[in-house]
N, C-alpha and C. Protein backbone atom coordinates (compact mmCIF):
# COMPACT_ATOMS: atom_id res chain seq x y z
N MET A 1 0.85 -1.19 0.00
CA MET A 1 0.00 0.00 -0.01
C MET A 1 0.88 1.25 0.00
N LYS A 2 0.36 2.30 -0.58
CA LYS A 2 1.13 3.55 -0.63
C LYS A 2 1.36 4.10 0.77
N ARG A 3 2.49 4.82 0.88
CA ARG A 3 2.73 5.46 2.17
C ARG A 3 1.78 6.65 2.35
N PHE A 4 1.61 7.05 3.59
CA PHE A 4 0.64 8.10 3.90
C PHE A 4 1.11 9.46 3.38
N THR A 5 0.22 10.13 2.69
CA THR A 5 0.47 11.53 2.27
C THR A 5 -0.75 12.32 2.69
N TYR A 6 -0.48 13.50 3.17
CA TYR A 6 -1.55 14.39 3.61
C TYR A 6 -1.71 15.47 2.56
N ARG A 7 -2.85 15.49 1.92
CA ARG A 7 -3.04 16.41 0.79
C ARG A 7 -3.11 17.88 1.20
N PHE A 8 -3.33 18.15 2.49
CA PHE A 8 -3.38 19.52 2.97
C PHE A 8 -2.06 19.96 3.63
N GLU A 9 -0.99 19.24 3.35
CA GLU A 9 0.30 19.52 3.98
C GLU A 9 0.77 20.96 3.65
N THR A 10 0.59 21.40 2.43
CA THR A 10 0.99 22.75 2.04
C THR A 10 0.18 23.78 2.81
N LEU A 11 -1.11 23.55 2.91
CA LEU A 11 -1.98 24.46 3.65
C LEU A 11 -1.57 24.47 5.14
N LEU A 12 -1.25 23.31 5.68
CA LEU A 12 -0.81 23.22 7.07
C LEU A 12 0.46 24.03 7.29
N LYS A 13 1.40 23.93 6.37
CA LYS A 13 2.64 24.70 6.49
C LYS A 13 2.36 26.20 6.44
N LEU A 14 1.44 26.61 5.57
CA LEU A 14 1.07 28.03 5.50
C LEU A 14 0.43 28.49 6.80
N ARG A 15 -0.44 27.65 7.34
CA ARG A 15 -1.10 28.01 8.61
C ARG A 15 -0.08 28.11 9.74
N GLU A 16 0.90 27.21 9.74
CA GLU A 16 1.95 27.25 10.76
C GLU A 16 2.78 28.52 10.63
N GLN A 17 3.04 28.91 9.38
CA GLN A 17 3.79 30.16 9.17
C GLN A 17 2.98 31.35 9.63
N GLU A 18 1.68 31.36 9.35
CA GLU A 18 0.81 32.45 9.81
C GLU A 18 0.81 32.52 11.34
N GLU A 19 0.77 31.36 11.98
CA GLU A 19 0.79 31.32 13.45
C GLU A 19 2.10 31.88 13.97
N ASP A 20 3.21 31.52 13.35
CA ASP A 20 4.51 32.05 13.77
C ASP A 20 4.57 33.57 13.61
N GLN A 21 4.07 34.05 12.48
CA GLN A 21 4.05 35.50 12.26
C GLN A 21 3.16 36.22 13.29
N ALA A 22 2.04 35.59 13.60
CA ALA A 22 1.14 36.16 14.62
C ALA A 22 1.82 36.20 15.98
N ARG A 23 2.59 35.16 16.29
CA ARG A 23 3.33 35.14 17.56
C ARG A 23 4.38 36.25 17.59
N LYS A 24 5.05 36.47 16.45
CA LYS A 24 6.05 37.55 16.39
C LYS A 24 5.38 38.91 16.58
N ARG A 25 4.23 39.09 15.93
CA ARG A 25 3.49 40.35 16.11
C ARG A 25 3.07 40.54 17.55
N LEU A 26 2.66 39.45 18.21
CA LEU A 26 2.28 39.53 19.60
C LEU A 26 3.47 39.92 20.47
N ALA A 27 4.61 39.33 20.21
CA ALA A 27 5.81 39.66 20.98
C ALA A 27 6.16 41.14 20.83
N LEU A 28 6.06 41.62 19.61
CA LEU A 28 6.34 43.04 19.35
C LEU A 28 5.32 43.94 20.05
N ALA A 29 4.04 43.56 19.98
CA ALA A 29 2.99 44.34 20.64
C ALA A 29 3.18 44.36 22.15
N LEU A 30 3.57 43.22 22.72
CA LEU A 30 3.81 43.18 24.17
C LEU A 30 5.01 44.02 24.55
N GLN A 31 6.02 44.01 23.71
CA GLN A 31 7.20 44.85 23.97
C GLN A 31 6.82 46.32 23.90
N ASN A 32 6.02 46.69 22.90
CA ASN A 32 5.59 48.07 22.77
C ASN A 32 4.73 48.49 23.98
N ALA A 33 3.87 47.61 24.43
CA ALA A 33 3.03 47.93 25.60
C ALA A 33 3.91 48.11 26.84
N ALA A 34 4.92 47.28 27.01
CA ALA A 34 5.82 47.40 28.17
C ALA A 34 6.59 48.72 28.10
N GLU A 35 7.05 49.08 26.91
CA GLU A 35 7.76 50.35 26.76
C GLU A 35 6.86 51.52 27.03
N ALA A 36 5.62 51.47 26.55
CA ALA A 36 4.67 52.56 26.78
C ALA A 36 4.37 52.68 28.27
N ARG A 37 4.22 51.54 28.94
CA ARG A 37 3.96 51.54 30.38
C ARG A 37 5.15 52.14 31.12
N GLU A 38 6.36 51.82 30.68
CA GLU A 38 7.56 52.36 31.32
C GLU A 38 7.67 53.87 31.13
N HIS A 39 7.39 54.35 29.90
CA HIS A 39 7.45 55.80 29.64
C HIS A 39 6.41 56.53 30.49
N HIS A 40 5.23 55.97 30.58
CA HIS A 40 4.16 56.58 31.38
C HIS A 40 4.56 56.64 32.85
N ALA A 41 5.14 55.57 33.35
CA ALA A 41 5.57 55.55 34.76
C ALA A 41 6.68 56.55 35.01
N ARG A 42 7.61 56.68 34.04
CA ARG A 42 8.68 57.68 34.20
C ARG A 42 8.12 59.09 34.26
N ALA A 43 7.14 59.39 33.40
CA ALA A 43 6.56 60.72 33.38
C ALA A 43 5.84 61.01 34.70
N GLN A 44 5.17 60.00 35.25
CA GLN A 44 4.51 60.20 36.54
C GLN A 44 5.54 60.41 37.66
N ALA A 45 6.62 59.68 37.59
CA ALA A 45 7.69 59.88 38.59
C ALA A 45 8.28 61.27 38.46
N GLU A 46 8.43 61.72 37.22
CA GLU A 46 8.96 63.09 37.01
C GLU A 46 8.01 64.12 37.59
N ARG A 47 6.70 63.91 37.43
CA ARG A 47 5.71 64.84 38.00
C ARG A 47 5.81 64.85 39.52
N ARG A 48 5.91 63.67 40.14
CA ARG A 48 6.05 63.63 41.60
C ARG A 48 7.30 64.35 42.07
N GLN A 49 8.38 64.17 41.32
CA GLN A 49 9.64 64.83 41.66
C GLN A 49 9.51 66.36 41.54
N LEU A 50 8.82 66.82 40.51
CA LEU A 50 8.57 68.25 40.32
C LEU A 50 7.73 68.80 41.48
N GLU A 51 6.67 68.08 41.84
CA GLU A 51 5.80 68.54 42.91
C GLU A 51 6.57 68.64 44.23
N LYS A 52 7.45 67.69 44.44
CA LYS A 52 8.29 67.70 45.67
C LYS A 52 9.23 68.92 45.66
N ALA A 53 9.86 69.15 44.51
CA ALA A 53 10.77 70.30 44.40
C ALA A 53 10.01 71.61 44.53
N TRP A 54 8.81 71.65 43.97
CA TRP A 54 8.00 72.89 44.06
C TRP A 54 7.58 73.13 45.50
N ALA A 55 7.19 72.06 46.20
CA ALA A 55 6.79 72.21 47.60
C ALA A 55 7.96 72.72 48.44
N GLU A 56 9.16 72.22 48.15
CA GLU A 56 10.34 72.71 48.86
C GLU A 56 10.60 74.18 48.54
N ALA A 57 10.45 74.55 47.29
CA ALA A 57 10.68 75.95 46.88
C ALA A 57 9.69 76.88 47.56
N LEU A 58 8.45 76.42 47.75
CA LEU A 58 7.42 77.25 48.40
C LEU A 58 7.76 77.51 49.86
N THR A 59 8.47 76.61 50.49
CA THR A 59 8.78 76.77 51.92
C THR A 59 9.93 77.75 52.12
N ARG A 60 10.72 77.96 51.09
CA ARG A 60 11.86 78.87 51.22
C ARG A 60 11.41 80.30 50.92
N PRO A 61 12.00 81.25 51.59
CA PRO A 61 11.65 82.63 51.29
C PRO A 61 12.27 83.07 49.95
N GLY A 62 11.66 83.98 49.32
CA GLY A 62 12.21 84.58 48.11
C GLY A 62 11.79 83.89 46.82
N LEU A 63 10.69 83.15 46.83
CA LEU A 63 10.20 82.52 45.59
C LEU A 63 9.57 83.62 44.73
N THR A 64 10.16 83.86 43.59
CA THR A 64 9.66 84.94 42.72
C THR A 64 8.52 84.42 41.86
N PRO A 65 7.68 85.31 41.41
CA PRO A 65 6.60 84.88 40.52
C PRO A 65 7.10 84.20 39.25
N ASP A 66 8.26 84.63 38.77
CA ASP A 66 8.82 84.02 37.56
C ASP A 66 9.14 82.55 37.81
N VAL A 67 9.76 82.26 38.92
CA VAL A 67 10.12 80.87 39.27
C VAL A 67 8.84 80.06 39.45
N ASN A 68 7.88 80.64 40.17
CA ASN A 68 6.59 79.96 40.37
C ASN A 68 5.91 79.68 39.04
N GLY A 69 5.98 80.65 38.12
CA GLY A 69 5.38 80.47 36.78
C GLY A 69 6.08 79.37 36.00
N CYS A 70 7.40 79.30 36.17
CA CYS A 70 8.15 78.23 35.49
C CYS A 70 7.72 76.86 36.02
N PHE A 71 7.54 76.75 37.34
CA PHE A 71 7.07 75.50 37.91
C PHE A 71 5.71 75.12 37.33
N GLU A 72 4.80 76.10 37.22
CA GLU A 72 3.49 75.85 36.70
C GLU A 72 3.53 75.40 35.24
N LEU A 73 4.33 76.09 34.44
CA LEU A 73 4.45 75.71 33.03
C LEU A 73 5.02 74.30 32.86
N TYR A 74 6.02 73.99 33.67
CA TYR A 74 6.64 72.68 33.59
C TYR A 74 5.66 71.60 34.01
N ARG A 75 4.89 71.89 35.09
CA ARG A 75 3.87 70.94 35.54
C ARG A 75 2.81 70.70 34.47
N ASP A 76 2.37 71.79 33.84
CA ASP A 76 1.38 71.65 32.77
C ASP A 76 1.92 70.83 31.61
N SER A 77 3.18 71.07 31.29
CA SER A 77 3.83 70.31 30.22
C SER A 77 3.87 68.81 30.55
N ILE A 78 4.25 68.51 31.78
CA ILE A 78 4.30 67.10 32.19
C ILE A 78 2.91 66.48 32.20
N GLU A 79 1.92 67.25 32.64
CA GLU A 79 0.54 66.74 32.66
C GLU A 79 0.09 66.37 31.25
N LEU A 80 0.38 67.22 30.27
CA LEU A 80 0.01 66.92 28.87
C LEU A 80 0.76 65.67 28.39
N GLN A 81 2.02 65.60 28.77
CA GLN A 81 2.82 64.44 28.37
C GLN A 81 2.25 63.17 29.00
N ILE A 82 1.83 63.23 30.24
CA ILE A 82 1.23 62.06 30.92
C ILE A 82 -0.03 61.63 30.23
N VAL A 83 -0.87 62.59 29.85
CA VAL A 83 -2.10 62.25 29.15
C VAL A 83 -1.80 61.56 27.83
N ASP A 84 -0.86 62.10 27.07
CA ASP A 84 -0.48 61.49 25.79
C ASP A 84 0.10 60.08 26.00
N LEU A 85 0.94 59.94 27.01
CA LEU A 85 1.55 58.64 27.27
C LEU A 85 0.52 57.63 27.77
N ALA A 86 -0.48 58.08 28.51
CA ALA A 86 -1.56 57.19 28.95
C ALA A 86 -2.35 56.70 27.75
N LYS A 87 -2.61 57.58 26.80
CA LYS A 87 -3.31 57.18 25.57
C LYS A 87 -2.47 56.18 24.79
N ALA A 88 -1.17 56.45 24.67
CA ALA A 88 -0.29 55.55 23.95
C ALA A 88 -0.23 54.18 24.63
N GLU A 89 -0.21 54.19 25.95
CA GLU A 89 -0.19 52.92 26.70
C GLU A 89 -1.49 52.14 26.46
N ALA A 90 -2.61 52.83 26.51
CA ALA A 90 -3.90 52.16 26.29
C ALA A 90 -3.97 51.58 24.88
N THR A 91 -3.47 52.34 23.91
CA THR A 91 -3.44 51.85 22.54
C THR A 91 -2.56 50.62 22.40
N ALA A 92 -1.39 50.66 23.04
CA ALA A 92 -0.47 49.52 22.97
C ALA A 92 -1.07 48.29 23.62
N VAL A 93 -1.77 48.47 24.74
CA VAL A 93 -2.41 47.35 25.40
C VAL A 93 -3.51 46.77 24.54
N LEU A 94 -4.27 47.64 23.89
CA LEU A 94 -5.32 47.18 22.98
C LEU A 94 -4.73 46.41 21.81
N GLU A 95 -3.64 46.91 21.25
CA GLU A 95 -2.98 46.21 20.14
C GLU A 95 -2.45 44.86 20.57
N SER A 96 -1.93 44.76 21.79
CA SER A 96 -1.42 43.48 22.25
C SER A 96 -2.59 42.50 22.47
N ALA A 97 -3.73 43.00 22.90
CA ALA A 97 -4.90 42.13 23.04
C ALA A 97 -5.38 41.62 21.68
N LYS A 98 -5.38 42.51 20.70
CA LYS A 98 -5.75 42.09 19.34
C LYS A 98 -4.75 41.06 18.80
N ALA A 99 -3.48 41.29 19.05
CA ALA A 99 -2.46 40.34 18.59
C ALA A 99 -2.62 38.99 19.30
N ARG A 100 -2.96 39.01 20.58
CA ARG A 100 -3.18 37.76 21.31
C ARG A 100 -4.38 37.00 20.71
N THR A 101 -5.41 37.71 20.36
CA THR A 101 -6.58 37.08 19.72
C THR A 101 -6.19 36.49 18.37
N ALA A 102 -5.37 37.21 17.62
CA ALA A 102 -4.93 36.71 16.30
C ALA A 102 -4.11 35.44 16.45
N VAL A 103 -3.26 35.38 17.48
CA VAL A 103 -2.48 34.15 17.72
C VAL A 103 -3.40 33.00 18.06
N SER A 104 -4.36 33.28 18.89
CA SER A 104 -5.31 32.24 19.28
C SER A 104 -6.08 31.70 18.06
N GLU A 105 -6.52 32.59 17.21
CA GLU A 105 -7.26 32.19 16.02
C GLU A 105 -6.36 31.40 15.06
N ALA A 106 -5.14 31.87 14.86
CA ALA A 106 -4.20 31.17 13.98
C ALA A 106 -3.88 29.78 14.53
N HIS A 107 -3.73 29.69 15.84
CA HIS A 107 -3.45 28.39 16.46
C HIS A 107 -4.62 27.43 16.27
N ARG A 108 -5.83 27.96 16.43
CA ARG A 108 -7.04 27.14 16.25
C ARG A 108 -7.10 26.57 14.83
N LYS A 109 -6.82 27.42 13.85
CA LYS A 109 -6.84 26.96 12.45
C LYS A 109 -5.77 25.90 12.20
N THR A 110 -4.61 26.07 12.78
CA THR A 110 -3.54 25.07 12.64
C THR A 110 -3.93 23.76 13.30
N GLU A 111 -4.50 23.86 14.49
CA GLU A 111 -4.89 22.65 15.24
C GLU A 111 -5.94 21.84 14.47
N ILE A 112 -6.84 22.51 13.81
CA ILE A 112 -7.87 21.79 13.02
C ILE A 112 -7.18 20.92 11.98
N LEU A 113 -6.22 21.50 11.25
CA LEU A 113 -5.53 20.72 10.21
C LEU A 113 -4.67 19.61 10.81
N LEU A 114 -4.06 19.87 11.95
CA LEU A 114 -3.24 18.82 12.60
C LEU A 114 -4.11 17.65 13.06
N LYS A 115 -5.27 17.95 13.62
CA LYS A 115 -6.18 16.88 14.05
C LYS A 115 -6.69 16.08 12.85
N LEU A 116 -6.99 16.77 11.78
CA LEU A 116 -7.42 16.08 10.57
C LEU A 116 -6.29 15.18 10.04
N ARG A 117 -5.07 15.70 10.05
CA ARG A 117 -3.94 14.89 9.59
C ARG A 117 -3.76 13.66 10.47
N ASP A 118 -3.87 13.84 11.77
CA ASP A 118 -3.74 12.70 12.69
C ASP A 118 -4.82 11.65 12.46
N ARG A 119 -6.06 12.11 12.25
CA ARG A 119 -7.15 11.16 11.97
C ARG A 119 -6.91 10.40 10.68
N LYS A 120 -6.49 11.14 9.65
CA LYS A 120 -6.22 10.49 8.36
C LYS A 120 -5.05 9.51 8.48
N ALA A 121 -4.03 9.87 9.23
CA ALA A 121 -2.86 8.97 9.40
C ALA A 121 -3.27 7.72 10.14
N SER A 122 -4.11 7.88 11.18
CA SER A 122 -4.59 6.71 11.93
C SER A 122 -5.43 5.81 11.03
N LYS A 123 -6.30 6.38 10.25
CA LYS A 123 -7.12 5.59 9.33
C LYS A 123 -6.25 4.88 8.32
N HIS A 124 -5.24 5.55 7.80
CA HIS A 124 -4.32 4.96 6.86
C HIS A 124 -3.59 3.77 7.49
N LYS A 125 -3.14 3.93 8.73
CA LYS A 125 -2.43 2.88 9.43
C LYS A 125 -3.35 1.67 9.62
N LEU A 126 -4.60 1.92 10.01
CA LEU A 126 -5.55 0.82 10.16
C LEU A 126 -5.82 0.11 8.83
N ASP A 127 -5.91 0.88 7.77
CA ASP A 127 -6.12 0.28 6.46
C ASP A 127 -4.94 -0.60 6.06
N VAL A 128 -3.74 -0.13 6.35
CA VAL A 128 -2.52 -0.90 6.04
C VAL A 128 -2.51 -2.19 6.86
N LEU A 129 -2.81 -2.09 8.14
CA LEU A 129 -2.85 -3.29 8.99
C LEU A 129 -3.93 -4.28 8.52
N LYS A 130 -5.06 -3.74 8.13
CA LYS A 130 -6.14 -4.61 7.64
C LYS A 130 -5.72 -5.31 6.34
N GLN A 131 -5.11 -4.58 5.46
CA GLN A 131 -4.64 -5.16 4.19
C GLN A 131 -3.57 -6.24 4.46
N GLU A 132 -2.66 -5.97 5.38
CA GLU A 132 -1.64 -6.98 5.71
C GLU A 132 -2.28 -8.22 6.31
N GLN A 133 -3.27 -8.03 7.19
CA GLN A 133 -3.96 -9.17 7.79
C GLN A 133 -4.67 -9.99 6.73
N GLU A 134 -5.28 -9.30 5.77
CA GLU A 134 -5.95 -10.03 4.67
C GLU A 134 -4.94 -10.83 3.86
N GLN A 135 -3.76 -10.27 3.63
CA GLN A 135 -2.72 -11.01 2.89
C GLN A 135 -2.24 -12.22 3.69
N PHE A 136 -2.08 -12.04 5.01
CA PHE A 136 -1.67 -13.16 5.86
C PHE A 136 -2.75 -14.27 5.84
N ASP A 137 -3.99 -13.84 5.94
CA ASP A 137 -5.11 -14.81 5.91
C ASP A 137 -5.14 -15.55 4.59
N GLU A 138 -4.96 -14.82 3.51
CA GLU A 138 -4.99 -15.43 2.18
C GLU A 138 -3.84 -16.42 2.02
N THR A 139 -2.67 -16.03 2.53
CA THR A 139 -1.50 -16.92 2.46
C THR A 139 -1.75 -18.17 3.28
N ALA A 140 -2.35 -18.04 4.47
CA ALA A 140 -2.64 -19.19 5.32
C ALA A 140 -3.63 -20.14 4.64
N VAL A 141 -4.66 -19.59 4.01
CA VAL A 141 -5.65 -20.40 3.32
C VAL A 141 -5.00 -21.15 2.15
N LEU A 142 -4.14 -20.46 1.39
CA LEU A 142 -3.47 -21.10 0.26
C LEU A 142 -2.54 -22.22 0.73
N ARG A 143 -1.82 -22.03 1.84
CA ARG A 143 -0.95 -23.07 2.35
C ARG A 143 -1.75 -24.26 2.86
N PHE A 144 -2.87 -23.92 3.51
CA PHE A 144 -3.71 -24.99 3.98
C PHE A 144 -4.24 -25.83 2.81
N ALA A 145 -4.67 -25.12 1.76
CA ALA A 145 -5.19 -25.82 0.59
C ALA A 145 -4.08 -26.62 -0.11
N ALA A 146 -2.88 -26.09 -0.15
CA ALA A 146 -1.75 -26.78 -0.80
C ALA A 146 -1.31 -27.98 0.02
N ALA A 147 -1.54 -27.96 1.32
CA ALA A 147 -1.13 -29.06 2.18
C ALA A 147 -2.16 -30.20 2.12
N GLY A 148 -3.19 -30.03 1.42
CA GLY A 148 -4.16 -31.08 1.25
C GLY A 148 -5.49 -30.77 1.92
N GLY A 149 -5.59 -29.65 2.54
CA GLY A 149 -6.86 -29.21 3.10
C GLY A 149 -7.38 -30.03 4.25
N GLN A 150 -6.53 -30.66 4.96
CA GLN A 150 -6.99 -31.50 6.06
C GLN A 150 -7.22 -30.76 7.30
């Protein structure tokens, strides 16, 4: 009997490649989300540091309106930066969730073809065993008949 061939092997390889690419996109999206989270945390730490320095400056005598205005402008700048970084972080987290879903879907499609291949291979193996058993049975009958059929 012919050896087992899976006619969807090419499609299976394509699906496996798609799954690998989806995993790479997920890794990149997770890396981007981690970087966005880190940038956001740094900006928040910078704001806390500014507020601490400003509070210290307020306790000292001689704080001029110009210096106070500079503190306010810098705080406002950091606040805008934090808002932008929070949006970027949320977008990166959303993209990583989408990438995770894409990996899951690609894996599901690959698994379907793998299960089908396994079922076909098992059926092929059973067919081969059945054919071999039929040949053994036929050989036994022929030997029995050649021996005189007693």
